[in-house]
PDB file of all heavy atoms in Angstrom:
ATOM      1  N   ASP A   1     -15.279  62.295 191.955  1.00  0.00           N
ATOM      2  CA  ASP A   1     -15.316  61.038 192.709  1.00  0.00           C
ATOM      3  C   ASP A   1     -14.774  61.190 194.123  1.00  0.00           C
ATOM      4  O   ASP A   1     -15.315  60.621 195.073  1.00  0.00           O
ATOM      5  CB  ASP A   1     -14.520  59.955 191.966  1.00  0.00           C
ATOM      6  CG  ASP A   1     -15.195  59.536 190.667  1.00  0.00           C
ATOM      7  OD1 ASP A   1     -16.404  59.827 190.525  1.00  0.00           O
ATOM      8  OD2 ASP A   1     -14.530  58.949 189.799  1.00  0.00           O
ATOM      9  N   GLU A   2     -13.715  61.998 194.283  1.00  0.00           N
ATOM     10  CA  GLU A   2     -13.087  62.129 195.604  1.00  0.00           C
ATOM     11  C   GLU A   2     -13.942  62.948 196.578  1.00  0.00           C
ATOM     12  O   GLU A   2     -13.683  62.961 197.789  1.00  0.00           O
ATOM     13  CB  GLU A   2     -11.688  62.752 195.485  1.00  0.00           C
ATOM     14  CG  GLU A   2     -11.656  64.165 194.928  1.00  0.00           C
ATOM     15  CD  GLU A   2     -11.564  64.229 193.408  1.00  0.00           C
ATOM     16  OE1 GLU A   2     -11.852  63.200 192.756  1.00  0.00           O
ATOM     17  OE2 GLU A   2     -11.206  65.303 192.892  1.00  0.00           O
ATOM     18  N   LEU A   3     -14.964  63.642 196.069  1.00  0.00           N
ATOM     19  CA  LEU A   3     -15.827  64.457 196.935  1.00  0.00           C
ATOM     20  C   LEU A   3     -17.231  63.876 197.079  1.00  0.00           C
ATOM     21  O   LEU A   3     -18.098  64.516 197.681  1.00  0.00           O
ATOM     22  CB  LEU A   3     -15.918  65.892 196.404  1.00  0.00           C
ATOM     23  CG  LEU A   3     -14.625  66.708 196.380  1.00  0.00           C
ATOM     24  CD1 LEU A   3     -14.888  68.097 195.818  1.00  0.00           C
ATOM     25  CD2 LEU A   3     -14.019  66.816 197.775  1.00  0.00           C
ATOM     26  N   LEU A   4     -17.470  62.684 196.532  1.00  0.00           N
ATOM     27  CA  LEU A   4     -18.818  62.112 196.560  1.00  0.00           C
ATOM     28  C   LEU A   4     -19.343  61.914 197.975  1.00  0.00           C
ATOM     29  O   LEU A   4     -20.499  62.215 198.268  1.00  0.00           O
ATOM     30  CB  LEU A   4     -18.833  60.769 195.813  1.00  0.00           C
ATOM     31  CG  LEU A   4     -19.084  60.839 194.303  1.00  0.00           C
ATOM     32  CD1 LEU A   4     -18.918  59.475 193.670  1.00  0.00           C
ATOM     33  CD2 LEU A   4     -20.474  61.399 194.010  1.00  0.00           C
ATOM     34  N   GLU A   5     -18.509  61.402 198.878  1.00  0.00           N
ATOM     35  CA  GLU A   5     -18.964  61.151 200.247  1.00  0.00           C
ATOM     36  C   GLU A   5     -19.168  62.436 201.030  1.00  0.00           C
ATOM     37  O   GLU A   5     -20.040  62.512 201.900  1.00  0.00           O
ATOM     38  CB  GLU A   5     -17.959  60.257 200.980  1.00  0.00           C
ATOM     39  CG  GLU A   5     -17.935  58.819 200.482  1.00  0.00           C
ATOM     40  CD  GLU A   5     -17.045  57.935 201.338  1.00  0.00           C
ATOM     41  OE1 GLU A   5     -16.557  58.422 202.381  1.00  0.00           O
ATOM     42  OE2 GLU A   5     -16.840  56.774 200.962  1.00  0.00           O
ATOM     43  N   GLN A   6     -18.370  63.462 200.741  1.00  0.00           N
ATOM     44  CA  GLN A   6     -18.438  64.716 201.504  1.00  0.00           C
ATOM     45  C   GLN A   6     -19.577  65.620 201.056  1.00  0.00           C
ATOM     46  O   GLN A   6     -20.070  66.438 201.838  1.00  0.00           O
ATOM     47  CB  GLN A   6     -17.125  65.481 201.364  1.00  0.00           C
ATOM     48  CG  GLN A   6     -15.897  64.717 201.830  1.00  0.00           C
ATOM     49  CD  GLN A   6     -14.627  65.463 201.481  1.00  0.00           C
ATOM     50  OE1 GLN A   6     -14.527  66.671 201.654  1.00  0.00           O
ATOM     51  NE2 GLN A   6     -13.639  64.746 200.963  1.00  0.00           N
ATOM     52  N   THR A   7     -19.991  65.509 199.788  1.00  0.00           N
ATOM     53  CA  THR A   7     -21.002  66.421 199.245  1.00  0.00           C
ATOM     54  C   THR A   7     -22.388  65.925 199.616  1.00  0.00           C
ATOM     55  O   THR A   7     -22.883  64.935 199.076  1.00  0.00           O
ATOM     56  CB  THR A   7     -20.861  66.536 197.721  1.00  0.00           C
ATOM     57  OG1 THR A   7     -19.505  66.849 197.390  1.00  0.00           O
ATOM     58  CG2 THR A   7     -21.769  67.622 197.183  1.00  0.00           C
ATOM     59  N   ARG A   8     -23.019  66.623 200.564  1.00  0.00           N
ATOM     60  CA  ARG A   8     -24.346  66.252 201.039  1.00  0.00           C
ATOM     61  C   ARG A   8     -25.207  67.507 201.146  1.00  0.00           C
ATOM     62  O   ARG A   8     -24.690  68.613 201.300  1.00  0.00           O
ATOM     63  CB  ARG A   8     -24.248  65.580 202.413  1.00  0.00           C
ATOM     64  CG  ARG A   8     -23.587  64.216 202.377  1.00  0.00           C
ATOM     65  CD  ARG A   8     -23.513  63.604 203.762  1.00  0.00           C
ATOM     66  NE  ARG A   8     -22.454  64.192 204.572  1.00  0.00           N
ATOM     67  CZ  ARG A   8     -22.294  63.973 205.863  1.00  0.00           C
ATOM     68  NH1 ARG A   8     -23.164  63.217 206.510  1.00  0.00           N
ATOM     69  NH2 ARG A   8     -21.299  64.520 206.524  1.00  0.00           N
ATOM     70  N   PRO A   9     -26.540  67.362 201.106  1.00  0.00           N
ATOM     71  CA  PRO A   9     -27.405  68.531 201.294  1.00  0.00           C
ATOM     72  C   PRO A   9     -27.140  69.198 202.643  1.00  0.00           C
ATOM     73  O   PRO A   9     -27.068  68.531 203.670  1.00  0.00           O
ATOM     74  CB  PRO A   9     -28.818  67.936 201.235  1.00  0.00           C
ATOM     75  CG  PRO A   9     -28.666  66.700 200.414  1.00  0.00           C
ATOM     76  CD  PRO A   9     -27.313  66.158 200.765  1.00  0.00           C
ATOM     77  N   GLY A  10     -26.967  70.534 202.625  1.00  0.00           N
ATOM     78  CA  GLY A  10     -26.726  71.278 203.854  1.00  0.00           C
ATOM     79  C   GLY A  10     -25.290  71.683 204.079  1.00  0.00           C
ATOM     80  O   GLY A  10     -25.007  72.409 205.033  1.00  0.00           O
ATOM     81  N   VAL A  11     -24.353  71.259 203.205  1.00  0.00           N
ATOM     82  CA  VAL A  11     -22.954  71.665 203.361  1.00  0.00           C
ATOM     83  C   VAL A  11     -22.657  72.848 202.439  1.00  0.00           C
ATOM     84  O   VAL A  11     -23.334  73.068 201.442  1.00  0.00           O
ATOM     85  CB  VAL A  11     -21.960  70.511 203.071  1.00  0.00           C
ATOM     86  CG1 VAL A  11     -22.201  69.349 204.008  1.00  0.00           C
ATOM     87  CG2 VAL A  11     -22.051  70.063 201.611  1.00  0.00           C
ATOM     88  N   ARG A  12     -21.613  73.603 202.799  1.00  0.00           N
ATOM     89  CA  ARG A  12     -21.145  74.697 201.949  1.00  0.00           C
ATOM     90  C   ARG A  12     -20.075  74.171 200.997  1.00  0.00           C
ATOM     91  O   ARG A  12     -19.282  73.298 201.362  1.00  0.00           O
ATOM     92  CB  ARG A  12     -20.571  75.834 202.790  1.00  0.00           C
ATOM     93  CG  ARG A  12     -21.581  76.514 203.691  1.00  0.00           C
ATOM     94  CD  ARG A  12     -20.893  77.459 204.650  1.00  0.00           C
ATOM     95  NE  ARG A  12     -19.901  76.733 205.438  1.00  0.00           N
ATOM     96  CZ  ARG A  12     -18.811  77.276 205.953  1.00  0.00           C
ATOM     97  NH1 ARG A  12     -18.569  78.553 205.781  1.00  0.00           N
ATOM     98  NH2 ARG A  12     -17.969  76.554 206.660  1.00  0.00           N
ATOM     99  N   VAL A  13     -20.068  74.717 199.792  1.00  0.00           N
ATOM    100  CA  VAL A  13     -19.088  74.292 198.788  1.00  0.00           C
ATOM    101  C   VAL A  13     -18.519  75.517 198.088  1.00  0.00           C
ATOM    102  O   VAL A  13     -19.116  76.595 198.102  1.00  0.00           O
ATOM    103  CB  VAL A  13     -19.720  73.351 197.734  1.00  0.00           C
ATOM    104  CG1 VAL A  13     -20.197  72.060 198.364  1.00  0.00           C
ATOM    105  CG2 VAL A  13     -20.874  74.044 197.015  1.00  0.00           C
ATOM    106  N   LYS A  14     -17.345  75.328 197.484  1.00  0.00           N
ATOM    107  CA  LYS A  14     -16.774  76.332 196.599  1.00  0.00           C
ATOM    108  C   LYS A  14     -16.852  75.799 195.181  1.00  0.00           C
ATOM    109  O   LYS A  14     -16.492  74.640 194.922  1.00  0.00           O
ATOM    110  CB  LYS A  14     -15.324  76.634 196.976  1.00  0.00           C
ATOM    111  CG  LYS A  14     -15.181  77.476 198.229  1.00  0.00           C
ATOM    112  CD  LYS A  14     -13.730  77.846 198.502  1.00  0.00           C
ATOM    113  CE  LYS A  14     -13.614  78.716 199.756  1.00  0.00           C
ATOM    114  NZ  LYS A  14     -12.197  79.038 200.057  1.00  0.00           N
ATOM    115  N   VAL A  15     -17.358  76.647 194.281  1.00  0.00           N
ATOM    116  CA  VAL A  15     -17.550  76.223 192.894  1.00  0.00           C
ATOM    117  C   VAL A  15     -17.104  77.342 191.952  1.00  0.00           C
ATOM    118  O   VAL A  15     -17.123  78.521 192.312  1.00  0.00           O
ATOM    119  CB  VAL A  15     -19.034  75.887 192.614  1.00  0.00           C
ATOM    120  CG1 VAL A  15     -19.475  74.668 193.388  1.00  0.00           C
ATOM    121  CG2 VAL A  15     -19.939  77.071 192.949  1.00  0.00           C
ATOM    122  N   PRO A  16     -16.702  77.002 190.718  1.00  0.00           N
ATOM    123  CA  PRO A  16     -16.366  78.022 189.724  1.00  0.00           C
ATOM    124  C   PRO A  16     -17.636  78.549 189.063  1.00  0.00           C
ATOM    125  O   PRO A  16     -18.557  77.786 188.779  1.00  0.00           O
ATOM    126  CB  PRO A  16     -15.491  77.248 188.724  1.00  0.00           C
ATOM    127  CG  PRO A  16     -15.958  75.832 188.840  1.00  0.00           C
ATOM    128  CD  PRO A  16     -16.407  75.642 190.256  1.00  0.00           C
ATOM    129  N   LEU A  17     -17.684  79.854 188.828  1.00  0.00           N
ATOM    130  CA  LEU A  17     -18.885  80.459 188.256  1.00  0.00           C
ATOM    131  C   LEU A  17     -18.520  81.359 187.083  1.00  0.00           C
ATOM    132  O   LEU A  17     -17.568  82.147 187.162  1.00  0.00           O
ATOM    133  CB  LEU A  17     -19.623  81.278 189.320  1.00  0.00           C
ATOM    134  CG  LEU A  17     -20.968  81.881 188.906  1.00  0.00           C
ATOM    135  CD1 LEU A  17     -21.996  80.782 188.657  1.00  0.00           C
ATOM    136  CD2 LEU A  17     -21.487  82.826 189.985  1.00  0.00           C
ATOM    137  N   GLY A  18     -19.288  81.259 186.009  1.00  0.00           N
ATOM    138  CA  GLY A  18     -19.121  82.150 184.858  1.00  0.00           C
ATOM    139  C   GLY A  18     -17.934  81.783 183.987  1.00  0.00           C
ATOM    140  O   GLY A  18     -17.207  80.831 184.230  1.00  0.00           O
ATOM    141  N   ARG A  19     -17.758  82.583 182.941  1.00  0.00           N
ATOM    142  CA  ARG A  19     -16.659  82.322 181.999  1.00  0.00           C
ATOM    143  C   ARG A  19     -15.297  82.475 182.654  1.00  0.00           C
ATOM    144  O   ARG A  19     -14.342  81.806 182.287  1.00  0.00           O
ATOM    145  CB  ARG A  19     -16.777  83.274 180.810  1.00  0.00           C
ATOM    146  CG  ARG A  19     -17.967  82.975 179.908  1.00  0.00           C
ATOM    147  CD  ARG A  19     -17.951  83.849 178.669  1.00  0.00           C
ATOM    148  NE  ARG A  19     -19.063  83.520 177.787  1.00  0.00           N
ATOM    149  CZ  ARG A  19     -19.278  84.115 176.631  1.00  0.00           C
ATOM    150  NH1 ARG A  19     -18.457  85.091 176.217  1.00  0.00           N
ATOM    151  NH2 ARG A  19     -20.297  83.767 175.883  1.00  0.00           N
ATOM    152  N   SER A  20     -15.213  83.360 183.629  1.00  0.00           N
ATOM    153  CA  SER A  20     -13.923  83.577 184.298  1.00  0.00           C
ATOM    154  C   SER A  20     -13.650  82.526 185.375  1.00  0.00           C
ATOM    155  O   SER A  20     -12.575  82.503 185.963  1.00  0.00           O
ATOM    156  CB  SER A  20     -13.891  84.969 184.937  1.00  0.00           C
ATOM    157  OG  SER A  20     -14.901  85.068 185.943  1.00  0.00           O
ATOM    158  N   ASN A  21     -14.655  81.665 185.646  1.00  0.00           N
ATOM    159  CA  ASN A  21     -14.535  80.634 186.687  1.00  0.00           C
ATOM    160  C   ASN A  21     -14.147  81.215 188.045  1.00  0.00           C
ATOM    161  O   ASN A  21     -13.354  80.639 188.788  1.00  0.00           O
ATOM    162  CB  ASN A  21     -13.522  79.557 186.282  1.00  0.00           C
ATOM    163  CG  ASN A  21     -14.067  78.653 185.199  1.00  0.00           C
ATOM    164  OD1 ASN A  21     -15.259  78.408 185.135  1.00  0.00           O
ATOM    165  ND2 ASN A  21     -13.187  78.188 184.333  1.00  0.00           N
ATOM    166  N   ARG A  22     -14.741  82.378 188.364  1.00  0.00           N
ATOM    167  CA  ARG A  22     -14.449  82.958 189.681  1.00  0.00           C
ATOM    168  C   ARG A  22     -15.030  82.063 190.763  1.00  0.00           C
ATOM    169  O   ARG A  22     -16.099  81.462 190.618  1.00  0.00           O
ATOM    170  CB  ARG A  22     -15.012  84.380 189.796  1.00  0.00           C
ATOM    171  CG  ARG A  22     -16.514  84.490 189.708  1.00  0.00           C
ATOM    172  CD  ARG A  22     -16.930  85.959 189.592  1.00  0.00           C
ATOM    173  NE  ARG A  22     -18.363  86.106 189.381  1.00  0.00           N
ATOM    174  CZ  ARG A  22     -19.231  86.394 190.334  1.00  0.00           C
ATOM    175  NH1 ARG A  22     -18.809  86.578 191.574  1.00  0.00           N
ATOM    176  NH2 ARG A  22     -20.515  86.507 190.064  1.00  0.00           N
ATOM    177  N   GLU A  23     -14.300  81.965 191.850  1.00  0.00           N
ATOM    178  CA  GLU A  23     -14.686  81.055 192.931  1.00  0.00           C
ATOM    179  C   GLU A  23     -15.832  81.654 193.737  1.00  0.00           C
ATOM    180  O   GLU A  23     -15.762  82.790 194.195  1.00  0.00           O
ATOM    181  CB  GLU A  23     -13.481  80.806 193.834  1.00  0.00           C
ATOM    182  CG  GLU A  23     -13.651  79.614 194.750  1.00  0.00           C
ATOM    183  CD  GLU A  23     -12.385  79.315 195.528  1.00  0.00           C
ATOM    184  OE1 GLU A  23     -12.051  80.129 196.432  1.00  0.00           O
ATOM    185  OE2 GLU A  23     -11.701  78.313 195.232  1.00  0.00           O
ATOM    186  N   MET A  24     -16.913  80.881 193.904  1.00  0.00           N
ATOM    187  CA  MET A  24     -18.084  81.330 194.652  1.00  0.00           C
ATOM    188  C   MET A  24     -18.397  80.332 195.758  1.00  0.00           C
ATOM    189  O   MET A  24     -18.221  79.122 195.602  1.00  0.00           O
ATOM    190  CB  MET A  24     -19.301  81.440 193.723  1.00  0.00           C
ATOM    191  CG  MET A  24     -19.282  82.646 192.818  1.00  0.00           C
ATOM    192  SD  MET A  24     -19.820  84.144 193.675  1.00  0.00           S
ATOM    193  CE  MET A  24     -21.583  83.877 193.787  1.00  0.00           C
ATOM    194  N   LEU A  25     -18.882  80.859 196.873  1.00  0.00           N
ATOM    195  CA  LEU A  25     -19.329  80.005 197.968  1.00  0.00           C
ATOM    196  C   LEU A  25     -20.824  79.776 197.815  1.00  0.00           C
ATOM    197  O   LEU A  25     -21.599  80.725 197.661  1.00  0.00           O
ATOM    198  CB  LEU A  25     -19.021  80.661 199.312  1.00  0.00           C
ATOM    199  CG  LEU A  25     -19.272  79.790 200.550  1.00  0.00           C
ATOM    200  CD1 LEU A  25     -18.264  80.117 201.638  1.00  0.00           C
ATOM    201  CD2 LEU A  25     -20.685  79.983 201.102  1.00  0.00           C
ATOM    202  N   GLY A  26     -21.232  78.532 197.824  1.00  0.00           N
ATOM    203  CA  GLY A  26     -22.644  78.191 197.686  1.00  0.00           C
ATOM    204  C   GLY A  26     -23.064  77.145 198.694  1.00  0.00           C
ATOM    205  O   GLY A  26     -22.251  76.624 199.475  1.00  0.00           O
ATOM    206  N   TYR A  27     -24.361  76.843 198.694  1.00  0.00           N
ATOM    207  CA  TYR A  27     -24.937  75.870 199.610  1.00  0.00           C
ATOM    208  C   TYR A  27     -25.549  74.728 198.812  1.00  0.00           C
ATOM    209  O   TYR A  27     -26.340  74.965 197.899  1.00  0.00           O
ATOM    210  CB  TYR A  27     -26.016  76.523 200.486  1.00  0.00           C
ATOM    211  CG  TYR A  27     -25.490  77.647 201.341  1.00  0.00           C
ATOM    212  CD1 TYR A  27     -25.465  78.964 200.862  1.00  0.00           C
ATOM    213  CD2 TYR A  27     -25.013  77.406 202.623  1.00  0.00           C
ATOM    214  CE1 TYR A  27     -24.971  79.999 201.640  1.00  0.00           C
ATOM    215  CE2 TYR A  27     -24.527  78.439 203.408  1.00  0.00           C
ATOM    216  CZ  TYR A  27     -24.508  79.732 202.906  1.00  0.00           C
ATOM    217  OH  TYR A  27     -24.016  80.763 203.671  1.00  0.00           O
ATOM    218  N   CYS A  28     -25.188  73.511 199.162  1.00  0.00           N
ATOM    219  CA  CYS A  28     -25.727  72.337 198.481  1.00  0.00           C
ATOM    220  C   CYS A  28     -27.117  72.043 199.036  1.00  0.00           C
ATOM    221  O   CYS A  28     -27.291  71.906 200.252  1.00  0.00           O
ATOM    222  CB  CYS A  28     -24.805  71.144 198.672  1.00  0.00           C
ATOM    223  SG  CYS A  28     -25.433  69.609 197.957  1.00  0.00           S
ATOM    224  N   ILE A  29     -28.116  71.935 198.153  1.00  0.00           N
ATOM    225  CA  ILE A  29     -29.482  71.649 198.610  1.00  0.00           C
ATOM    226  C   ILE A  29     -29.966  70.273 198.164  1.00  0.00           C
ATOM    227  O   ILE A  29     -30.988  69.799 198.641  1.00  0.00           O
ATOM    228  CB  ILE A  29     -30.472  72.733 198.136  1.00  0.00           C
ATOM    229  CG1 ILE A  29     -30.508  72.815 196.607  1.00  0.00           C
ATOM    230  CG2 ILE A  29     -30.130  74.080 198.755  1.00  0.00           C
ATOM    231  CD1 ILE A  29     -31.644  73.681 196.083  1.00  0.00           C
ATOM    232  N   ALA A  30     -29.241  69.645 197.228  1.00  0.00           N
ATOM    233  CA  ALA A  30     -29.639  68.307 196.782  1.00  0.00           C
ATOM    234  C   ALA A  30     -28.475  67.659 196.044  1.00  0.00           C
ATOM    235  O   ALA A  30     -27.629  68.351 195.471  1.00  0.00           O
ATOM    236  CB  ALA A  30     -30.865  68.378 195.876  1.00  0.00           C
ATOM    237  N   VAL A  31     -28.452  66.335 196.061  1.00  0.00           N
ATOM    238  CA  VAL A  31     -27.484  65.540 195.288  1.00  0.00           C
ATOM    239  C   VAL A  31     -28.296  64.560 194.465  1.00  0.00           C
ATOM    240  O   VAL A  31     -29.132  63.831 195.010  1.00  0.00           O
ATOM    241  CB  VAL A  31     -26.498  64.798 196.208  1.00  0.00           C
ATOM    242  CG1 VAL A  31     -25.593  63.878 195.393  1.00  0.00           C
ATOM    243  CG2 VAL A  31     -25.660  65.775 197.009  1.00  0.00           C
ATOM    244  N   GLU A  32     -28.076  64.554 193.155  1.00  0.00           N
ATOM    245  CA  GLU A  32     -28.891  63.722 192.279  1.00  0.00           C
ATOM    246  C   GLU A  32     -28.095  63.266 191.067  1.00  0.00           C
ATOM    247  O   GLU A  32     -27.001  63.782 190.798  1.00  0.00           O
ATOM    248  CB  GLU A  32     -30.130  64.507 191.826  1.00  0.00           C
ATOM    249  CG  GLU A  32     -29.794  65.860 191.204  1.00  0.00           C
ATOM    250  CD  GLU A  32     -30.992  66.792 191.176  1.00  0.00           C
ATOM    251  OE1 GLU A  32     -32.117  66.292 190.992  1.00  0.00           O
ATOM    252  OE2 GLU A  32     -30.795  68.005 191.303  1.00  0.00           O
ATOM    253  N   THR A  33     -28.647  62.303 190.365  1.00  0.00           N
ATOM    254  CA  THR A  33     -28.060  61.839 189.101  1.00  0.00           C
ATOM    255  C   THR A  33     -28.735  62.586 187.964  1.00  0.00           C
ATOM    256  O   THR A  33     -29.976  62.588 187.879  1.00  0.00           O
ATOM    257  CB  THR A  33     -28.253  60.324 188.931  1.00  0.00           C
ATOM    258  OG1 THR A  33     -27.615  59.648 190.013  1.00  0.00           O
ATOM    259  CG2 THR A  33     -27.654  59.848 187.614  1.00  0.00           C
ATOM    260  N   VAL A  34     -27.972  63.261 187.122  1.00  0.00           N
ATOM    261  CA  VAL A  34     -28.526  64.038 186.012  1.00  0.00           C
ATOM    262  C   VAL A  34     -28.112  63.398 184.693  1.00  0.00           C
ATOM    263  O   VAL A  34     -27.055  62.779 184.578  1.00  0.00           O
ATOM    264  CB  VAL A  34     -28.059  65.513 186.070  1.00  0.00           C
ATOM    265  CG1 VAL A  34     -28.589  66.187 187.313  1.00  0.00           C
ATOM    266  CG2 VAL A  34     -26.542  65.612 186.021  1.00  0.00           C
ATOM    267  N   GLN A  35     -28.972  63.565 183.692  1.00  0.00           N
ATOM    268  CA  GLN A  35     -28.701  63.021 182.360  1.00  0.00           C
ATOM    269  C   GLN A  35     -27.820  63.993 181.586  1.00  0.00           C
ATOM    270  O   GLN A  35     -28.260  64.658 180.660  1.00  0.00           O
ATOM    271  CB  GLN A  35     -30.018  62.762 181.625  1.00  0.00           C
ATOM    272  CG  GLN A  35     -30.909  61.727 182.279  1.00  0.00           C
ATOM    273  CD  GLN A  35     -30.241  60.360 182.338  1.00  0.00           C
ATOM    274  OE1 GLN A  35     -29.597  59.928 181.387  1.00  0.00           O
ATOM    275  NE2 GLN A  35     -30.382  59.680 183.468  1.00  0.00           N
ATOM    276  N   GLN A  36     -26.589  64.106 182.025  1.00  0.00           N
ATOM    277  CA  GLN A  36     -25.604  64.967 181.371  1.00  0.00           C
ATOM    278  C   GLN A  36     -24.274  64.248 181.383  1.00  0.00           C
ATOM    279  O   GLN A  36     -23.899  63.656 182.400  1.00  0.00           O
ATOM    280  CB  GLN A  36     -25.455  66.300 182.130  1.00  0.00           C
ATOM    281  CG  GLN A  36     -26.664  67.216 182.045  1.00  0.00           C
ATOM    282  CD  GLN A  36     -26.632  68.079 180.793  1.00  0.00           C
ATOM    283  OE1 GLN A  36     -25.896  67.786 179.854  1.00  0.00           O
ATOM    284  NE2 GLN A  36     -27.417  69.119 180.778  1.00  0.00           N
ATOM    285  N   PRO A  37     -23.549  64.259 180.269  1.00  0.00           N
ATOM    286  CA  PRO A  37     -22.192  63.711 180.299  1.00  0.00           C
ATOM    287  C   PRO A  37     -21.341  64.492 181.295  1.00  0.00           C
ATOM    288  O   PRO A  37     -21.563  65.689 181.506  1.00  0.00           O
ATOM    289  CB  PRO A  37     -21.690  63.904 178.863  1.00  0.00           C
ATOM    290  CG  PRO A  37     -22.916  64.125 178.053  1.00  0.00           C
ATOM    291  CD  PRO A  37     -23.921  64.765 178.946  1.00  0.00           C
ATOM    292  N   PRO A  38     -20.390  63.837 181.985  1.00  0.00           N
ATOM    293  CA  PRO A  38     -19.575  64.521 183.006  1.00  0.00           C
ATOM    294  C   PRO A  38     -18.936  65.809 182.520  1.00  0.00           C
ATOM    295  O   PRO A  38     -18.817  66.765 183.276  1.00  0.00           O
ATOM    296  CB  PRO A  38     -18.525  63.464 183.368  1.00  0.00           C
ATOM    297  CG  PRO A  38     -19.184  62.164 183.071  1.00  0.00           C
ATOM    298  CD  PRO A  38     -20.060  62.408 181.877  1.00  0.00           C
ATOM    299  N   GLY A  39     -18.536  65.872 181.244  1.00  0.00           N
ATOM    300  CA  GLY A  39     -17.872  67.078 180.744  1.00  0.00           C
ATOM    301  C   GLY A  39     -18.787  68.263 180.566  1.00  0.00           C
ATOM    302  O   GLY A  39     -18.327  69.382 180.326  1.00  0.00           O
ATOM    303  N   ALA A  40     -20.104  68.038 180.686  1.00  0.00           N
ATOM    304  CA  ALA A  40     -21.053  69.133 180.461  1.00  0.00           C
ATOM    305  C   ALA A  40     -21.158  70.071 181.652  1.00  0.00           C
ATOM    306  O   ALA A  40     -21.610  71.206 181.518  1.00  0.00           O
ATOM    307  CB  ALA A  40     -22.435  68.557 180.152  1.00  0.00           C
ATOM    308  N   LEU A  41     -20.787  69.598 182.833  1.00  0.00           N
ATOM    309  CA  LEU A  41     -20.942  70.390 184.050  1.00  0.00           C
ATOM    310  C   LEU A  41     -19.582  70.711 184.656  1.00  0.00           C
ATOM    311  O   LEU A  41     -18.676  69.873 184.639  1.00  0.00           O
ATOM    312  CB  LEU A  41     -21.779  69.621 185.079  1.00  0.00           C
ATOM    313  CG  LEU A  41     -23.201  69.231 184.674  1.00  0.00           C
ATOM    314  CD1 LEU A  41     -23.835  68.376 185.759  1.00  0.00           C
ATOM    315  CD2 LEU A  41     -24.045  70.464 184.405  1.00  0.00           C
ATOM    316  N   LYS A  42     -19.487  71.896 185.227  1.00  0.00           N
ATOM    317  CA  LYS A  42     -18.265  72.251 185.956  1.00  0.00           C
ATOM    318  C   LYS A  42     -18.237  71.482 187.271  1.00  0.00           C
ATOM    319  O   LYS A  42     -19.292  71.191 187.861  1.00  0.00           O
ATOM    320  CB  LYS A  42     -18.232  73.757 186.235  1.00  0.00           C
ATOM    321  CG  LYS A  42     -18.091  74.608 184.975  1.00  0.00           C
ATOM    322  CD  LYS A  42     -18.052  76.083 185.314  1.00  0.00           C
ATOM    323  CE  LYS A  42     -17.906  76.919 184.046  1.00  0.00           C
ATOM    324  NZ  LYS A  42     -17.845  78.367 184.354  1.00  0.00           N
ATOM    325  N   PRO A  43     -17.042  71.164 187.773  1.00  0.00           N
ATOM    326  CA  PRO A  43     -16.960  70.349 188.995  1.00  0.00           C
ATOM    327  C   PRO A  43     -17.014  71.197 190.268  1.00  0.00           C
ATOM    328  O   PRO A  43     -16.614  72.369 190.282  1.00  0.00           O
ATOM    329  CB  PRO A  43     -15.599  69.673 188.864  1.00  0.00           C
ATOM    330  CG  PRO A  43     -14.771  70.679 188.110  1.00  0.00           C
ATOM    331  CD  PRO A  43     -15.714  71.365 187.157  1.00  0.00           C
ATOM    332  N   VAL A  44     -17.488  70.598 191.343  1.00  0.00           N
ATOM    333  CA  VAL A  44     -17.373  71.196 192.681  1.00  0.00           C
ATOM    334  C   VAL A  44     -15.883  71.253 193.027  1.00  0.00           C
ATOM    335  O   VAL A  44     -15.167  70.260 192.895  1.00  0.00           O
ATOM    336  CB  VAL A  44     -18.137  70.352 193.720  1.00  0.00           C
ATOM    337  CG1 VAL A  44     -17.865  70.854 195.129  1.00  0.00           C
ATOM    338  CG2 VAL A  44     -19.627  70.347 193.420  1.00  0.00           C
TER     339      VAL A  44
END
């Protein structure tokens, strides 16, 4: 919720990746509503 306004297509983000949750730098290409409970996805 605290990152909703900042997360837009074209910005860089840091996200956890894999079982070890290593920090990766990625690029946001879209923001959408998905049919997944919040606990199903790792957070930005």
